[in-house]
Amino acid sequence: GTPLLVQILVINFGVVPLILGNSNSIVAGILALSLNSSAYIAENFR
């Protein structure tokens, strides 16, 4: 229900720095795409 672009920004500037201590575009990109796709794939599995 939320835009992927917003998720990428939040994860890169908010979540990843909390985990790694600083932003990392590669980690943030993979994490955001994985979390977003998992929501759609979950419905496919269900």
ModelCIF file with pLDDT and N, C-alpha, C, O atoms, coordinates in Angstrom:
data_MODEL
#
_entry.id   MODEL 
#
_entity.id                         1 
_entity.type                       polymer 
_entity.pdbx_number_of_molecules   1 
#
_entity_poly.entity_id                      1 
_entity_poly.type                           'polypeptide(L)' 
_entity_poly.nstd_linkage                   no 
_entity_poly.nstd_monomer                   no 
_entity_poly.pdbx_seq_one_letter_code       GTPLLVQILVINFGVVPLILGNSNSIVAGILALSLNSSAYIAENFR 
_entity_poly.pdbx_seq_one_letter_code_can   GTPLLVQILVINFGVVPLILGNSNSIVAGILALSLNSSAYIAENFR 
_entity_poly.pdbx_strand_id                 A 
#
loop_
_entity_poly_seq.entity_id 
_entity_poly_seq.num 
_entity_poly_seq.mon_id 
_entity_poly_seq.hetero 
1 1  GLY n 
1 2  THR n 
1 3  PRO n 
1 4  LEU n 
1 5  LEU n 
1 6  VAL n 
1 7  GLN n 
1 8  ILE n 
1 9  LEU n 
1 10 VAL n 
1 11 ILE n 
1 12 ASN n 
1 13 PHE n 
1 14 GLY n 
1 15 VAL n 
1 16 VAL n 
1 17 PRO n 
1 18 LEU n 
1 19 ILE n 
1 20 LEU n 
1 21 GLY n 
1 22 ASN n 
1 23 SER n 
1 24 ASN n 
1 25 SER n 
1 26 ILE n 
1 27 VAL n 
1 28 ALA n 
1 29 GLY n 
1 30 ILE n 
1 31 LEU n 
1 32 ALA n 
1 33 LEU n 
1 34 SER n 
1 35 LEU n 
1 36 ASN n 
1 37 SER n 
1 38 SER n 
1 39 ALA n 
1 40 TYR n 
1 41 ILE n 
1 42 ALA n 
1 43 GLU n 
1 44 ASN n 
1 45 PHE n 
1 46 ARG n 
#
_struct_asym.id          A 
_struct_asym.entity_id   1 
#
loop_
_ma_qa_metric.id 
_ma_qa_metric.mode 
_ma_qa_metric.name 
_ma_qa_metric.software_group_id 
_ma_qa_metric.type 
1 global pLDDT . pLDDT 
2 local  pLDDT . pLDDT 
#
_ma_qa_metric_global.metric_id      1 
_ma_qa_metric_global.metric_value   96.04 
_ma_qa_metric_global.model_id       1 
_ma_qa_metric_global.ordinal_id     1 
#
loop_
_ma_qa_metric_local.label_asym_id 
_ma_qa_metric_local.label_comp_id 
_ma_qa_metric_local.label_seq_id 
_ma_qa_metric_local.metric_id 
_ma_qa_metric_local.metric_value 
_ma_qa_metric_local.model_id 
_ma_qa_metric_local.ordinal_id 
A GLY 1  2 97.00 1 1  
A THR 2  2 97.00 1 2  
A PRO 3  2 97.00 1 3  
A LEU 4  2 97.00 1 4  
A LEU 5  2 97.00 1 5  
A VAL 6  2 98.00 1 6  
A GLN 7  2 98.00 1 7  
A ILE 8  2 98.00 1 8  
A LEU 9  2 97.00 1 9  
A VAL 10 2 97.00 1 10 
A ILE 11 2 97.00 1 11 
A ASN 12 2 97.00 1 12 
A PHE 13 2 96.00 1 13 
A GLY 14 2 96.00 1 14 
A VAL 15 2 96.00 1 15 
A VAL 16 2 96.00 1 16 
A PRO 17 2 96.00 1 17 
A LEU 18 2 95.00 1 18 
A ILE 19 2 92.00 1 19 
A LEU 20 2 92.00 1 20 
A GLY 21 2 91.00 1 21 
A ASN 22 2 92.00 1 22 
A SER 23 2 89.00 1 23 
A ASN 24 2 95.00 1 24 
A SER 25 2 96.00 1 25 
A ILE 26 2 96.00 1 26 
A VAL 27 2 97.00 1 27 
A ALA 28 2 97.00 1 28 
A GLY 29 2 97.00 1 29 
A ILE 30 2 97.00 1 30 
A LEU 31 2 97.00 1 31 
A ALA 32 2 97.00 1 32 
A LEU 33 2 98.00 1 33 
A SER 34 2 98.00 1 34 
A LEU 35 2 98.00 1 35 
A ASN 36 2 98.00 1 36 
A SER 37 2 97.00 1 37 
A SER 38 2 98.00 1 38 
A ALA 39 2 97.00 1 39 
A TYR 40 2 97.00 1 40 
A ILE 41 2 97.00 1 41 
A ALA 42 2 97.00 1 42 
A GLU 43 2 95.00 1 43 
A ASN 44 2 94.00 1 44 
A PHE 45 2 94.00 1 45 
A ARG 46 2 93.00 1 46 
#
loop_
_atom_site.group_PDB 
_atom_site.id 
_atom_site.type_symbol 
_atom_site.label_atom_id 
_atom_site.label_alt_id 
_atom_site.label_comp_id 
_atom_site.label_asym_id 
_atom_site.label_entity_id 
_atom_site.label_seq_id 
_atom_site.pdbx_PDB_ins_code 
_atom_site.Cartn_x 
_atom_site.Cartn_y 
_atom_site.Cartn_z 
_atom_site.occupancy 
_atom_site.B_iso_or_equiv 
_atom_site.pdbx_formal_charge 
_atom_site.auth_seq_id 
_atom_site.auth_comp_id 
_atom_site.auth_asym_id 
_atom_site.auth_atom_id 
_atom_site.pdbx_PDB_model_num 
ATOM 1   N N  . GLY A 1 1  ? 0.783  -1.237  0.000  1.00 97.00 ? 1  GLY A N  1 
ATOM 2   C CA . GLY A 1 1  ? 0.000  0.000   0.000  1.00 97.00 ? 1  GLY A CA 1 
ATOM 3   C C  . GLY A 1 1  ? 0.807  1.274   0.000  1.00 97.00 ? 1  GLY A C  1 
ATOM 4   O O  . GLY A 1 1  ? 0.236  2.364   -0.046 1.00 97.00 ? 1  GLY A O  1 
ATOM 5   N N  . THR A 1 2  ? 2.133  1.165   0.051  1.00 97.00 ? 2  THR A N  1 
ATOM 6   C CA . THR A 1 2  ? 2.988  2.357   0.026  1.00 97.00 ? 2  THR A CA 1 
ATOM 7   C C  . THR A 1 2  ? 3.942  2.279   -1.168 1.00 97.00 ? 2  THR A C  1 
ATOM 8   O O  . THR A 1 2  ? 4.304  1.186   -1.603 1.00 97.00 ? 2  THR A O  1 
ATOM 9   N N  . PRO A 1 3  ? 4.349  3.441   -1.701 1.00 97.00 ? 3  PRO A N  1 
ATOM 10  C CA . PRO A 1 3  ? 5.222  3.444   -2.886 1.00 97.00 ? 3  PRO A CA 1 
ATOM 11  C C  . PRO A 1 3  ? 6.595  2.835   -2.593 1.00 97.00 ? 3  PRO A C  1 
ATOM 12  O O  . PRO A 1 3  ? 7.165  3.053   -1.524 1.00 97.00 ? 3  PRO A O  1 
ATOM 13  N N  . LEU A 1 4  ? 7.111  2.079   -3.545 1.00 97.00 ? 4  LEU A N  1 
ATOM 14  C CA . LEU A 1 4  ? 8.434  1.474   -3.403 1.00 97.00 ? 4  LEU A CA 1 
ATOM 15  C C  . LEU A 1 4  ? 9.505  2.544   -3.240 1.00 97.00 ? 4  LEU A C  1 
ATOM 16  O O  . LEU A 1 4  ? 10.467 2.355   -2.494 1.00 97.00 ? 4  LEU A O  1 
ATOM 17  N N  . LEU A 1 5  ? 9.343  3.667   -3.935 1.00 97.00 ? 5  LEU A N  1 
ATOM 18  C CA . LEU A 1 5  ? 10.329 4.746   -3.826 1.00 97.00 ? 5  LEU A CA 1 
ATOM 19  C C  . LEU A 1 5  ? 10.438 5.248   -2.392 1.00 97.00 ? 5  LEU A C  1 
ATOM 20  O O  . LEU A 1 5  ? 11.538 5.489   -1.894 1.00 97.00 ? 5  LEU A O  1 
ATOM 21  N N  . VAL A 1 6  ? 9.302  5.405   -1.736 1.00 98.00 ? 6  VAL A N  1 
ATOM 22  C CA . VAL A 1 6  ? 9.307  5.847   -0.338 1.00 98.00 ? 6  VAL A CA 1 
ATOM 23  C C  . VAL A 1 6  ? 9.974  4.800   0.544  1.00 98.00 ? 6  VAL A C  1 
ATOM 24  O O  . VAL A 1 6  ? 10.736 5.138   1.449  1.00 98.00 ? 6  VAL A O  1 
ATOM 25  N N  . GLN A 1 7  ? 9.691  3.544   0.283  1.00 98.00 ? 7  GLN A N  1 
ATOM 26  C CA . GLN A 1 7  ? 10.304 2.467   1.059  1.00 98.00 ? 7  GLN A CA 1 
ATOM 27  C C  . GLN A 1 7  ? 11.825 2.480   0.911  1.00 98.00 ? 7  GLN A C  1 
ATOM 28  O O  . GLN A 1 7  ? 12.547 2.291   1.890  1.00 98.00 ? 7  GLN A O  1 
ATOM 29  N N  . ILE A 1 8  ? 12.306 2.703   -0.303 1.00 98.00 ? 8  ILE A N  1 
ATOM 30  C CA . ILE A 1 8  ? 13.749 2.756   -0.547 1.00 98.00 ? 8  ILE A CA 1 
ATOM 31  C C  . ILE A 1 8  ? 14.388 3.902   0.236  1.00 98.00 ? 8  ILE A C  1 
ATOM 32  O O  . ILE A 1 8  ? 15.446 3.733   0.842  1.00 98.00 ? 8  ILE A O  1 
ATOM 33  N N  . LEU A 1 9  ? 13.750 5.050   0.221  1.00 97.00 ? 9  LEU A N  1 
ATOM 34  C CA . LEU A 1 9  ? 14.299 6.214   0.929  1.00 97.00 ? 9  LEU A CA 1 
ATOM 35  C C  . LEU A 1 9  ? 14.315 5.996   2.439  1.00 97.00 ? 9  LEU A C  1 
ATOM 36  O O  . LEU A 1 9  ? 15.300 6.308   3.109  1.00 97.00 ? 9  LEU A O  1 
ATOM 37  N N  . VAL A 1 10 ? 13.221 5.461   2.967  1.00 97.00 ? 10 VAL A N  1 
ATOM 38  C CA . VAL A 1 10 ? 13.145 5.222   4.415  1.00 97.00 ? 10 VAL A CA 1 
ATOM 39  C C  . VAL A 1 10 ? 14.186 4.196   4.849  1.00 97.00 ? 10 VAL A C  1 
ATOM 40  O O  . VAL A 1 10 ? 14.860 4.373   5.863  1.00 97.00 ? 10 VAL A O  1 
ATOM 41  N N  . ILE A 1 11 ? 14.309 3.133   4.078  1.00 97.00 ? 11 ILE A N  1 
ATOM 42  C CA . ILE A 1 11 ? 15.261 2.077   4.437  1.00 97.00 ? 11 ILE A CA 1 
ATOM 43  C C  . ILE A 1 11 ? 16.700 2.573   4.306  1.00 97.00 ? 11 ILE A C  1 
ATOM 44  O O  . ILE A 1 11 ? 17.542 2.254   5.144  1.00 97.00 ? 11 ILE A O  1 
ATOM 45  N N  . ASN A 1 12 ? 16.987 3.350   3.262  1.00 97.00 ? 12 ASN A N  1 
ATOM 46  C CA . ASN A 1 12 ? 18.361 3.824   3.058  1.00 97.00 ? 12 ASN A CA 1 
ATOM 47  C C  . ASN A 1 12 ? 18.792 4.853   4.099  1.00 97.00 ? 12 ASN A C  1 
ATOM 48  O O  . ASN A 1 12 ? 19.902 4.785   4.627  1.00 97.00 ? 12 ASN A O  1 
ATOM 49  N N  . PHE A 1 13 ? 17.909 5.805   4.391  1.00 96.00 ? 13 PHE A N  1 
ATOM 50  C CA . PHE A 1 13 ? 18.281 6.891   5.295  1.00 96.00 ? 13 PHE A CA 1 
ATOM 51  C C  . PHE A 1 13 ? 17.844 6.667   6.746  1.00 96.00 ? 13 PHE A C  1 
ATOM 52  O O  . PHE A 1 13 ? 18.269 7.389   7.648  1.00 96.00 ? 13 PHE A O  1 
ATOM 53  N N  . GLY A 1 14 ? 16.991 5.660   6.959  1.00 96.00 ? 14 GLY A N  1 
ATOM 54  C CA . GLY A 1 14 ? 16.510 5.423   8.310  1.00 96.00 ? 14 GLY A CA 1 
ATOM 55  C C  . GLY A 1 14 ? 16.900 4.078   8.885  1.00 96.00 ? 14 GLY A C  1 
ATOM 56  O O  . GLY A 1 14 ? 17.507 4.003   9.953  1.00 96.00 ? 14 GLY A O  1 
ATOM 57  N N  . VAL A 1 15 ? 16.546 3.000   8.167  1.00 96.00 ? 15 VAL A N  1 
ATOM 58  C CA . VAL A 1 15 ? 16.744 1.649   8.710  1.00 96.00 ? 15 VAL A CA 1 
ATOM 59  C C  . VAL A 1 15 ? 18.201 1.208   8.630  1.00 96.00 ? 15 VAL A C  1 
ATOM 60  O O  . VAL A 1 15 ? 18.775 0.775   9.630  1.00 96.00 ? 15 VAL A O  1 
ATOM 61  N N  . VAL A 1 16 ? 18.798 1.315   7.456  1.00 96.00 ? 16 VAL A N  1 
ATOM 62  C CA . VAL A 1 16 ? 20.176 0.834   7.276  1.00 96.00 ? 16 VAL A CA 1 
ATOM 63  C C  . VAL A 1 16 ? 21.172 1.551   8.181  1.00 96.00 ? 16 VAL A C  1 
ATOM 64  O O  . VAL A 1 16 ? 22.030 0.889   8.765  1.00 96.00 ? 16 VAL A O  1 
ATOM 65  N N  . PRO A 1 17 ? 21.099 2.888   8.325  1.00 96.00 ? 17 PRO A N  1 
ATOM 66  C CA . PRO A 1 17 ? 22.032 3.543   9.258  1.00 96.00 ? 17 PRO A CA 1 
ATOM 67  C C  . PRO A 1 17 ? 21.915 3.041   10.696 1.00 96.00 ? 17 PRO A C  1 
ATOM 68  O O  . PRO A 1 17 ? 22.907 3.014   11.425 1.00 96.00 ? 17 PRO A O  1 
ATOM 69  N N  . LEU A 1 18 ? 20.704 2.643   11.108 1.00 95.00 ? 18 LEU A N  1 
ATOM 70  C CA . LEU A 1 18 ? 20.530 2.100   12.454 1.00 95.00 ? 18 LEU A CA 1 
ATOM 71  C C  . LEU A 1 18 ? 21.228 0.753   12.603 1.00 95.00 ? 18 LEU A C  1 
ATOM 72  O O  . LEU A 1 18 ? 21.696 0.398   13.685 1.00 95.00 ? 18 LEU A O  1 
ATOM 73  N N  . ILE A 1 19 ? 21.292 0.006   11.497 1.00 92.00 ? 19 ILE A N  1 
ATOM 74  C CA . ILE A 1 19 ? 21.890 -1.329  11.545 1.00 92.00 ? 19 ILE A CA 1 
ATOM 75  C C  . ILE A 1 19 ? 23.394 -1.276  11.312 1.00 92.00 ? 19 ILE A C  1 
ATOM 76  O O  . ILE A 1 19 ? 24.165 -1.899  12.042 1.00 92.00 ? 19 ILE A O  1 
ATOM 77  N N  . LEU A 1 20 ? 23.812 -0.521  10.279 1.00 92.00 ? 20 LEU A N  1 
ATOM 78  C CA . LEU A 1 20 ? 25.219 -0.501  9.879  1.00 92.00 ? 20 LEU A CA 1 
ATOM 79  C C  . LEU A 1 20 ? 25.985 0.713   10.396 1.00 92.00 ? 20 LEU A C  1 
ATOM 80  O O  . LEU A 1 20 ? 27.215 0.735   10.357 1.00 92.00 ? 20 LEU A O  1 
ATOM 81  N N  . GLY A 1 21 ? 25.263 1.717   10.877 1.00 91.00 ? 21 GLY A N  1 
ATOM 82  C CA . GLY A 1 21 ? 25.928 2.921   11.343 1.00 91.00 ? 21 GLY A CA 1 
ATOM 83  C C  . GLY A 1 21 ? 26.006 4.013   10.307 1.00 91.00 ? 21 GLY A C  1 
ATOM 84  O O  . GLY A 1 21 ? 26.287 5.167   10.631 1.00 91.00 ? 21 GLY A O  1 
ATOM 85  N N  . ASN A 1 22 ? 25.755 3.653   9.044  1.00 92.00 ? 22 ASN A N  1 
ATOM 86  C CA . ASN A 1 22 ? 25.718 4.639   7.962  1.00 92.00 ? 22 ASN A CA 1 
ATOM 87  C C  . ASN A 1 22 ? 24.920 4.049   6.807  1.00 92.00 ? 22 ASN A C  1 
ATOM 88  O O  . ASN A 1 22 ? 24.695 2.840   6.749  1.00 92.00 ? 22 ASN A O  1 
ATOM 89  N N  . SER A 1 23 ? 24.495 4.909   5.892  1.00 89.00 ? 23 SER A N  1 
ATOM 90  C CA . SER A 1 23 ? 23.697 4.443   4.767  1.00 89.00 ? 23 SER A CA 1 
ATOM 91  C C  . SER A 1 23 ? 24.564 3.672   3.779  1.00 89.00 ? 23 SER A C  1 
ATOM 92  O O  . SER A 1 23 ? 25.747 3.970   3.612  1.00 89.00 ? 23 SER A O  1 
ATOM 93  N N  . ASN A 1 24 ? 23.972 2.692   3.136  1.00 95.00 ? 24 ASN A N  1 
ATOM 94  C CA . ASN A 1 24 ? 24.644 1.878   2.123  1.00 95.00 ? 24 ASN A CA 1 
ATOM 95  C C  . ASN A 1 24 ? 23.638 1.608   1.023  1.00 95.00 ? 24 ASN A C  1 
ATOM 96  O O  . ASN A 1 24 ? 22.675 0.869   1.226  1.00 95.00 ? 24 ASN A O  1 
ATOM 97  N N  . SER A 1 25 ? 23.854 2.201   -0.142 1.00 96.00 ? 25 SER A N  1 
ATOM 98  C CA . SER A 1 25 ? 22.862 2.144   -1.210 1.00 96.00 ? 25 SER A CA 1 
ATOM 99  C C  . SER A 1 25 ? 22.613 0.722   -1.704 1.00 96.00 ? 25 SER A C  1 
ATOM 100 O O  . SER A 1 25 ? 21.480 0.379   -2.038 1.00 96.00 ? 25 SER A O  1 
ATOM 101 N N  . ILE A 1 26 ? 23.646 -0.103  -1.756 1.00 96.00 ? 26 ILE A N  1 
ATOM 102 C CA . ILE A 1 26 ? 23.485 -1.467  -2.250 1.00 96.00 ? 26 ILE A CA 1 
ATOM 103 C C  . ILE A 1 26 ? 22.664 -2.302  -1.270 1.00 96.00 ? 26 ILE A C  1 
ATOM 104 O O  . ILE A 1 26 ? 21.731 -2.997  -1.671 1.00 96.00 ? 26 ILE A O  1 
ATOM 105 N N  . VAL A 1 27 ? 23.015 -2.232  0.014  1.00 97.00 ? 27 VAL A N  1 
ATOM 106 C CA . VAL A 1 27 ? 22.262 -2.967  1.042  1.00 97.00 ? 27 VAL A CA 1 
ATOM 107 C C  . VAL A 1 27 ? 20.821 -2.463  1.093  1.00 97.00 ? 27 VAL A C  1 
ATOM 108 O O  . VAL A 1 27 ? 19.881 -3.255  1.150  1.00 97.00 ? 27 VAL A O  1 
ATOM 109 N N  . ALA A 1 28 ? 20.658 -1.148  1.072  1.00 97.00 ? 28 ALA A N  1 
ATOM 110 C CA . ALA A 1 28 ? 19.315 -0.569  1.146  1.00 97.00 ? 28 ALA A CA 1 
ATOM 111 C C  . ALA A 1 28 ? 18.480 -0.955  -0.061 1.00 97.00 ? 28 ALA A C  1 
ATOM 112 O O  . ALA A 1 28 ? 17.295 -1.263  0.074  1.00 97.00 ? 28 ALA A O  1 
ATOM 113 N N  . GLY A 1 29 ? 19.092 -0.941  -1.251 1.00 97.00 ? 29 GLY A N  1 
ATOM 114 C CA . GLY A 1 29 ? 18.366 -1.297  -2.463 1.00 97.00 ? 29 GLY A CA 1 
ATOM 115 C C  . GLY A 1 29 ? 17.882 -2.730  -2.430 1.00 97.00 ? 29 GLY A C  1 
ATOM 116 O O  . GLY A 1 29 ? 16.721 -3.007  -2.732 1.00 97.00 ? 29 GLY A O  1 
ATOM 117 N N  . ILE A 1 30 ? 18.776 -3.650  -2.062 1.00 97.00 ? 30 ILE A N  1 
ATOM 118 C CA . ILE A 1 30 ? 18.406 -5.060  -1.988 1.00 97.00 ? 30 ILE A CA 1 
ATOM 119 C C  . ILE A 1 30 ? 17.346 -5.294  -0.912 1.00 97.00 ? 30 ILE A C  1 
ATOM 120 O O  . ILE A 1 30 ? 16.383 -6.029  -1.130 1.00 97.00 ? 30 ILE A O  1 
ATOM 121 N N  . LEU A 1 31 ? 17.529 -4.664  0.247  1.00 97.00 ? 31 LEU A N  1 
ATOM 122 C CA . LEU A 1 31 ? 16.583 -4.845  1.348  1.00 97.00 ? 31 LEU A CA 1 
ATOM 123 C C  . LEU A 1 31 ? 15.199 -4.331  0.973  1.00 97.00 ? 31 LEU A C  1 
ATOM 124 O O  . LEU A 1 31 ? 14.197 -5.003  1.218  1.00 97.00 ? 31 LEU A O  1 
ATOM 125 N N  . ALA A 1 32 ? 15.141 -3.146  0.382  1.00 97.00 ? 32 ALA A N  1 
ATOM 126 C CA . ALA A 1 32 ? 13.849 -2.563  0.010  1.00 97.00 ? 32 ALA A CA 1 
ATOM 127 C C  . ALA A 1 32 ? 13.150 -3.401  -1.060 1.00 97.00 ? 32 ALA A C  1 
ATOM 128 O O  . ALA A 1 32 ? 11.953 -3.668  -0.954 1.00 97.00 ? 32 ALA A O  1 
ATOM 129 N N  . LEU A 1 33 ? 13.886 -3.814  -2.081 1.00 98.00 ? 33 LEU A N  1 
ATOM 130 C CA . LEU A 1 33 ? 13.289 -4.619  -3.146 1.00 98.00 ? 33 LEU A CA 1 
ATOM 131 C C  . LEU A 1 33 ? 12.834 -5.975  -2.621 1.00 98.00 ? 33 LEU A C  1 
ATOM 132 O O  . LEU A 1 33 ? 11.795 -6.488  -3.036 1.00 98.00 ? 33 LEU A O  1 
ATOM 133 N N  . SER A 1 34 ? 13.615 -6.559  -1.706 1.00 98.00 ? 34 SER A N  1 
ATOM 134 C CA . SER A 1 34 ? 13.262 -7.867  -1.145 1.00 98.00 ? 34 SER A CA 1 
ATOM 135 C C  . SER A 1 34 ? 11.995 -7.782  -0.291 1.00 98.00 ? 34 SER A C  1 
ATOM 136 O O  . SER A 1 34 ? 11.094 -8.610  -0.422 1.00 98.00 ? 34 SER A O  1 
ATOM 137 N N  . LEU A 1 35 ? 11.935 -6.785  0.573  1.00 98.00 ? 35 LEU A N  1 
ATOM 138 C CA . LEU A 1 35 ? 10.768 -6.632  1.438  1.00 98.00 ? 35 LEU A CA 1 
ATOM 139 C C  . LEU A 1 35 ? 9.523  -6.326  0.627  1.00 98.00 ? 35 LEU A C  1 
ATOM 140 O O  . LEU A 1 35 ? 8.448  -6.859  0.900  1.00 98.00 ? 35 LEU A O  1 
ATOM 141 N N  . ASN A 1 36 ? 9.672  -5.465  -0.371 1.00 98.00 ? 36 ASN A N  1 
ATOM 142 C CA . ASN A 1 36 ? 8.526  -5.111  -1.206 1.00 98.00 ? 36 ASN A CA 1 
ATOM 143 C C  . ASN A 1 36 ? 8.031  -6.310  -1.998 1.00 98.00 ? 36 ASN A C  1 
ATOM 144 O O  . ASN A 1 36 ? 6.829  -6.574  -2.040 1.00 98.00 ? 36 ASN A O  1 
ATOM 145 N N  . SER A 1 37 ? 8.947  -7.037  -2.626 1.00 97.00 ? 37 SER A N  1 
ATOM 146 C CA . SER A 1 37 ? 8.536  -8.181  -3.440 1.00 97.00 ? 37 SER A CA 1 
ATOM 147 C C  . SER A 1 37 ? 7.955  -9.299  -2.589 1.00 97.00 ? 37 SER A C  1 
ATOM 148 O O  . SER A 1 37 ? 7.068  -10.023 -3.041 1.00 97.00 ? 37 SER A O  1 
ATOM 149 N N  . SER A 1 38 ? 8.447  -9.451  -1.353 1.00 98.00 ? 38 SER A N  1 
ATOM 150 C CA . SER A 1 38 ? 7.948  -10.519 -0.489 1.00 98.00 ? 38 SER A CA 1 
ATOM 151 C C  . SER A 1 38 ? 6.461  -10.355 -0.195 1.00 98.00 ? 38 SER A C  1 
ATOM 152 O O  . SER A 1 38 ? 5.747  -11.343 -0.029 1.00 98.00 ? 38 SER A O  1 
ATOM 153 N N  . ALA A 1 39 ? 5.995  -9.111  -0.129 1.00 97.00 ? 39 ALA A N  1 
ATOM 154 C CA . ALA A 1 39 ? 4.577  -8.871  0.138  1.00 97.00 ? 39 ALA A CA 1 
ATOM 155 C C  . ALA A 1 39 ? 3.716  -9.373  -1.018 1.00 97.00 ? 39 ALA A C  1 
ATOM 156 O O  . ALA A 1 39 ? 2.644  -9.937  -0.801 1.00 97.00 ? 39 ALA A O  1 
ATOM 157 N N  . TYR A 1 40 ? 4.189  -9.166  -2.239 1.00 97.00 ? 40 TYR A N  1 
ATOM 158 C CA . TYR A 1 40 ? 3.441  -9.642  -3.414 1.00 97.00 ? 40 TYR A CA 1 
ATOM 159 C C  . TYR A 1 40 ? 3.582  -11.148 -3.581 1.00 97.00 ? 40 TYR A C  1 
ATOM 160 O O  . TYR A 1 40 ? 2.617  -11.833 -3.922 1.00 97.00 ? 40 TYR A O  1 
ATOM 161 N N  . ILE A 1 41 ? 4.783  -11.663 -3.342 1.00 97.00 ? 41 ILE A N  1 
ATOM 162 C CA . ILE A 1 41 ? 5.014  -13.095 -3.464 1.00 97.00 ? 41 ILE A CA 1 
ATOM 163 C C  . ILE A 1 41 ? 4.220  -13.862 -2.410 1.00 97.00 ? 41 ILE A C  1 
ATOM 164 O O  . ILE A 1 41 ? 3.759  -14.974 -2.667 1.00 97.00 ? 41 ILE A O  1 
ATOM 165 N N  . ALA A 1 42 ? 4.057  -13.268 -1.218 1.00 97.00 ? 42 ALA A N  1 
ATOM 166 C CA . ALA A 1 42 ? 3.262  -13.903 -0.173 1.00 97.00 ? 42 ALA A CA 1 
ATOM 167 C C  . ALA A 1 42 ? 1.837  -14.154 -0.642 1.00 97.00 ? 42 ALA A C  1 
ATOM 168 O O  . ALA A 1 42 ? 1.266  -15.212 -0.375 1.00 97.00 ? 42 ALA A O  1 
ATOM 169 N N  . GLU A 1 43 ? 1.268  -13.187 -1.335 1.00 95.00 ? 43 GLU A N  1 
ATOM 170 C CA . GLU A 1 43 ? -0.088 -13.353 -1.856 1.00 95.00 ? 43 GLU A CA 1 
ATOM 171 C C  . GLU A 1 43 ? -0.126 -14.422 -2.937 1.00 95.00 ? 43 GLU A C  1 
ATOM 172 O O  . GLU A 1 43 ? -1.104 -15.162 -3.043 1.00 95.00 ? 43 GLU A O  1 
ATOM 173 N N  . ASN A 1 44 ? 0.938  -14.512 -3.746 1.00 94.00 ? 44 ASN A N  1 
ATOM 174 C CA . ASN A 1 44 ? 1.004  -15.558 -4.764 1.00 94.00 ? 44 ASN A CA 1 
ATOM 175 C C  . ASN A 1 44 ? 1.057  -16.940 -4.115 1.00 94.00 ? 44 ASN A C  1 
ATOM 176 O O  . ASN A 1 44 ? 0.369  -17.867 -4.542 1.00 94.00 ? 44 ASN A O  1 
ATOM 177 N N  . PHE A 1 45 ? 1.884  -17.061 -3.079 1.00 94.00 ? 45 PHE A N  1 
ATOM 178 C CA . PHE A 1 45 ? 1.967  -18.331 -2.364 1.00 94.00 ? 45 PHE A CA 1 
ATOM 179 C C  . PHE A 1 45 ? 0.632  -18.686 -1.720 1.00 94.00 ? 45 PHE A C  1 
ATOM 180 O O  . PHE A 1 45 ? 0.176  -19.826 -1.802 1.00 94.00 ? 45 PHE A O  1 
ATOM 181 N N  . ARG A 1 46 ? 0.017  -17.711 -1.087 1.00 93.00 ? 46 ARG A N  1 
ATOM 182 C CA . ARG A 1 46 ? -1.256 -17.972 -0.399 1.00 93.00 ? 46 ARG A CA 1 
ATOM 183 C C  . ARG A 1 46 ? -2.307 -18.470 -1.384 1.00 93.00 ? 46 ARG A C  1 
ATOM 184 O O  . ARG A 1 46 ? -3.442 -18.743 -0.991 1.00 93.00 ? 46 ARG A O  1 
#
